[in-house]
Amino acid sequence: MLFHDFIKYVPKIEKEKLLATDAHAKMAPLERISYLKEEHYQDKNPRQAAVLMLLYPKNKVTHLALIVRNSYPGVHSSQIGFPGGKVEEEDIDLAATALRETHEEVGVSSEKVEIIKPFSQIYIPPSNFLVAPFMGISEHELTFIPDLDEVKRVLEFPLHTLLDEKTITNVKMTTSYAVDIEVPAFMVEKYVVWGATAMMMSELKEAIKSGIR
């Protein structure tokens, strides 16, 4: 979708009711469904984090950005996700966390991004994080500068890839809680995007599809 067409739908997308659990469940591994239906995490005192689902023009076409994380000791090593991270003391709110982390990880300054709306929070059991996703847009062509200590590469892909049902597949994965299980995933280029990131993408996808009808 051309960006100048997409931008016309943003006010409607902003008003769309979020599908939350219904959207998340479409891309959730079976073992995660119970965490969607009941807030089991409340007694675990989860740490707070925020990520940015950033939409922007590239060659006039609407794109979305993910990051491929470097290998490091930790549960999210080498995974694909949205730029973002944990809340720091200087952050005035969760949106500020998402913007600051995006600047630190991929070099996009907050002045270039407009936060459109918050999306439903997702609890991540292996790391005990409660993550708040935010949809943001930049009307500028962007040059990403990855923090090489954290980010292996920025994965840019057109919006129509997200909206295309053929992008969804099922793959076998070994996770922190199970071996060789089948999980739903988005295939973006050669990368398998699953788990919490896929669940966030599912809710974003449903909101955009409703907004552009």
Protein backbone atom coordinates (compact mmCIF):
# COMPACT_ATOMS: atom_id res chain seq x y z
CA MET A 1 0.00 0.00 0.00
CA LEU A 2 1.32 3.42 -0.93
CA PHE A 3 2.09 5.48 2.15
CA HIS A 4 0.07 8.50 1.01
CA ASP A 5 -2.96 6.18 0.82
CA PHE A 6 -2.24 4.51 4.16
CA ILE A 7 -1.91 7.82 6.01
CA LYS A 8 -5.53 8.67 5.10
CA TYR A 9 -6.72 5.65 7.09
CA VAL A 10 -4.70 6.39 10.24
CA PRO A 11 -7.48 8.39 12.02
CA LYS A 12 -9.87 5.47 11.50
CA ILE A 13 -7.27 2.91 12.62
CA GLU A 14 -6.72 5.01 15.74
CA LYS A 15 -10.40 4.62 16.64
CA GLU A 16 -10.61 0.88 15.98
CA LYS A 17 -11.51 -1.31 18.93
CA LEU A 18 -8.63 -3.62 19.78
CA LEU A 19 -9.33 -7.34 19.60
CA ALA A 20 -6.81 -8.17 22.34
CA THR A 21 -7.15 -11.85 23.31
CA ASP A 22 -9.06 -12.74 20.14
CA ALA A 23 -6.25 -11.40 17.95
CA HIS A 24 -3.44 -12.70 20.16
CA ALA A 25 -4.89 -16.21 20.28
CA LYS A 26 -4.63 -16.55 16.49
CA MET A 27 -0.84 -16.53 16.76
CA ALA A 28 -0.32 -17.88 20.28
CA PRO A 29 1.27 -21.28 20.94
CA LEU A 30 -1.23 -23.55 22.72
CA GLU A 31 0.84 -23.39 25.89
CA ARG A 32 0.33 -19.63 26.01
CA ILE A 33 -3.46 -19.58 25.69
CA SER A 34 -4.03 -19.85 29.44
CA TYR A 35 -1.98 -16.68 29.96
CA LEU A 36 -4.33 -14.85 27.60
CA LYS A 37 -7.56 -15.91 29.24
CA GLU A 38 -6.55 -15.17 32.82
CA GLU A 39 -4.08 -12.71 34.23
CA HIS A 40 -1.92 -15.34 35.95
CA TYR A 41 1.03 -12.98 35.82
CA GLN A 42 -0.32 -10.48 38.35
CA ASP A 43 1.15 -12.35 41.31
CA LYS A 44 4.55 -12.60 39.58
CA ASN A 45 5.24 -8.85 39.76
CA PRO A 46 6.34 -8.68 36.10
CA ARG A 47 8.82 -6.12 34.87
CA GLN A 48 7.47 -3.51 32.46
CA ALA A 49 8.66 -2.99 28.91
CA ALA A 50 7.42 -1.30 25.75
CA VAL A 51 7.97 -1.74 22.02
CA LEU A 52 7.27 0.35 18.92
CA MET A 53 5.37 -0.98 15.90
CA LEU A 54 6.68 1.62 13.48
CA LEU A 55 5.05 2.24 10.08
CA TYR A 56 6.80 4.52 7.58
CA PRO A 57 7.34 5.10 3.84
CA LYS A 58 10.10 3.35 1.91
CA ASN A 59 10.16 3.99 -1.83
CA LYS A 60 6.67 5.47 -1.25
CA VAL A 61 5.33 2.11 0.02
CA THR A 62 4.20 1.61 3.64
CA HIS A 63 6.69 -0.50 5.59
CA LEU A 64 6.97 -1.99 9.06
CA ALA A 65 10.24 -2.62 10.90
CA LEU A 66 11.37 -5.53 13.07
CA ILE A 67 14.81 -6.19 14.50
CA VAL A 68 16.86 -9.37 14.54
CA ARG A 69 18.60 -9.50 17.90
CA ASN A 70 22.20 -10.57 18.32
CA SER A 71 23.12 -13.76 20.13
CA TYR A 72 23.66 -13.22 23.85
CA PRO A 73 23.03 -15.06 27.14
CA GLY A 74 19.28 -14.66 27.67
CA VAL A 75 15.86 -15.93 26.69
CA HIS A 76 15.45 -13.51 23.78
CA SER A 77 18.81 -14.19 22.13
CA SER A 78 18.67 -14.16 18.30
CA GLN A 79 14.92 -13.58 18.29
CA ILE A 80 12.97 -11.28 15.98
CA GLY A 81 10.95 -8.53 17.63
CA PHE A 82 9.95 -4.91 17.54
CA PRO A 83 12.47 -2.34 18.78
CA GLY A 84 11.92 -1.73 22.47
CA GLY A 85 12.96 -2.74 25.95
CA LYS A 86 12.50 -2.34 29.66
CA VAL A 87 11.31 0.77 31.44
CA GLU A 88 14.00 3.05 32.84
CA GLU A 89 13.63 5.65 35.60
CA GLU A 90 13.83 8.59 33.20
CA ASP A 91 10.85 7.40 31.12
CA ILE A 92 7.76 9.48 31.84
CA ASP A 93 5.46 6.76 30.53
CA LEU A 94 5.48 3.54 28.50
CA ALA A 95 5.29 5.40 25.18
CA ALA A 96 8.48 7.22 26.17
CA THR A 97 10.12 3.85 26.83
CA ALA A 98 9.20 2.62 23.35
CA LEU A 99 10.55 5.79 21.72
CA ARG A 100 13.77 5.87 23.74
CA GLU A 101 14.53 2.22 23.10
CA THR A 102 13.82 2.61 19.39
CA HIS A 103 16.28 5.48 19.24
CA GLU A 104 18.90 3.49 21.13
CA GLU A 105 18.47 0.29 19.14
CA VAL A 106 17.93 1.49 15.57
CA GLY A 107 18.79 5.21 15.60
CA VAL A 108 15.34 6.67 14.88
CA SER A 109 14.83 9.82 16.95
CA SER A 110 11.55 10.32 18.78
CA GLU A 111 11.01 13.63 16.94
CA LYS A 112 10.44 11.66 13.74
CA VAL A 113 7.74 9.42 15.26
CA GLU A 114 4.12 10.11 16.13
CA ILE A 115 2.56 7.67 18.58
CA ILE A 116 -0.89 6.76 17.23
CA LYS A 117 -2.26 4.43 19.89
CA PRO A 118 -1.33 1.84 22.52
CA PHE A 119 -2.14 -1.79 21.83
CA SER A 120 -2.96 -4.58 24.29
CA GLN A 121 -0.21 -5.57 26.67
CA ILE A 122 1.26 -9.07 26.48
CA TYR A 123 2.83 -11.07 29.28
CA ILE A 124 5.99 -13.01 28.37
CA PRO A 125 6.44 -15.91 30.84
CA PRO A 126 10.11 -16.87 30.16
CA SER A 127 11.40 -13.37 30.95
CA ASN A 128 8.55 -12.23 33.25
CA PHE A 129 7.99 -9.05 31.26
CA LEU A 130 4.67 -7.32 30.65
CA VAL A 131 5.14 -5.64 27.28
CA ALA A 132 3.17 -2.63 26.04
CA PRO A 133 3.15 -2.26 22.23
CA PHE A 134 2.57 1.13 20.61
CA MET A 135 1.70 1.85 17.01
CA GLY A 136 3.70 4.76 15.67
CA ILE A 137 4.14 6.38 12.28
CA SER A 138 6.87 8.39 10.67
CA GLU A 139 6.07 10.39 7.56
CA HIS A 140 9.77 10.45 6.71
CA GLU A 141 11.91 7.99 4.81
CA LEU A 142 14.07 6.48 7.54
CA THR A 143 17.71 5.50 7.74
CA PHE A 144 18.20 2.90 10.43
CA ILE A 145 21.44 2.80 12.40
CA PRO A 146 21.42 -0.46 14.39
CA ASP A 147 23.18 -0.69 17.72
CA LEU A 148 25.54 -3.50 16.76
CA ASP A 149 25.82 -4.68 20.36
CA GLU A 150 22.11 -5.54 20.39
CA VAL A 151 20.81 -5.64 16.83
CA LYS A 152 22.07 -7.93 14.08
CA ARG A 153 19.91 -6.30 11.41
CA VAL A 154 16.75 -4.27 10.85
CA LEU A 155 14.13 -6.28 9.00
CA GLU A 156 12.04 -3.95 6.83
CA PHE A 157 9.01 -5.33 5.04
CA PRO A 158 5.99 -3.86 3.23
CA LEU A 159 2.65 -3.66 4.99
CA HIS A 160 1.02 -5.96 2.44
CA THR A 161 3.24 -8.77 3.75
CA LEU A 162 1.62 -8.40 7.17
CA LEU A 163 -1.88 -8.27 5.71
CA ASP A 164 -1.41 -11.27 3.41
CA GLU A 165 -2.84 -14.45 4.96
CA LYS A 166 -0.27 -16.49 3.02
CA THR A 167 2.41 -15.02 5.28
CA ILE A 168 1.08 -17.13 8.18
CA THR A 169 2.31 -20.68 8.61
CA ASN A 170 2.91 -23.32 11.29
CA VAL A 171 6.42 -24.31 12.25
CA LYS A 172 8.02 -26.68 14.73
CA MET A 173 10.04 -24.94 17.42
CA THR A 174 11.95 -25.79 20.57
CA THR A 175 11.05 -23.23 23.21
CA SER A 176 11.89 -22.52 26.83
CA TYR A 177 8.92 -24.65 27.88
CA ALA A 178 8.61 -27.38 25.24
CA VAL A 179 10.56 -29.35 22.64
CA ASP A 180 9.56 -29.71 18.99
CA ILE A 181 6.11 -28.12 19.28
CA GLU A 182 4.09 -26.67 16.43
CA VAL A 183 3.47 -22.93 16.67
CA PRO A 184 1.79 -20.36 14.37
CA ALA A 185 4.18 -17.85 12.84
CA PHE A 186 4.61 -15.11 10.29
CA MET A 187 7.22 -15.81 7.60
CA VAL A 188 9.01 -12.55 6.83
CA GLU A 189 11.71 -13.08 4.23
CA LYS A 190 13.60 -16.09 5.63
CA TYR A 191 12.71 -15.32 9.23
CA VAL A 192 10.17 -17.07 11.44
CA VAL A 193 8.35 -14.55 13.63
CA TRP A 194 6.44 -16.26 16.42
CA GLY A 195 5.47 -15.92 20.08
CA ALA A 196 4.75 -12.52 21.61
CA THR A 197 5.89 -10.58 18.54
CA ALA A 198 3.58 -12.56 16.26
CA MET A 199 0.73 -11.99 18.72
CA MET A 200 1.34 -8.23 18.64
CA MET A 201 1.52 -8.32 14.85
CA SER A 202 -1.80 -10.15 14.77
CA GLU A 203 -3.56 -7.42 16.73
CA LEU A 204 -1.94 -4.71 14.61
CA LYS A 205 -2.99 -6.58 11.46
CA GLU A 206 -6.61 -6.82 12.57
CA ALA A 207 -6.76 -3.12 13.52
CA ILE A 208 -5.32 -2.04 10.17
CA LYS A 209 -7.56 -4.39 8.18
CA SER A 210 -10.62 -2.99 9.96
CA GLY A 211 -9.43 0.58 9.51
CA ILE A 212 -8.84 0.35 5.77
CA ARG A 213 -12.11 -1.38 4.89
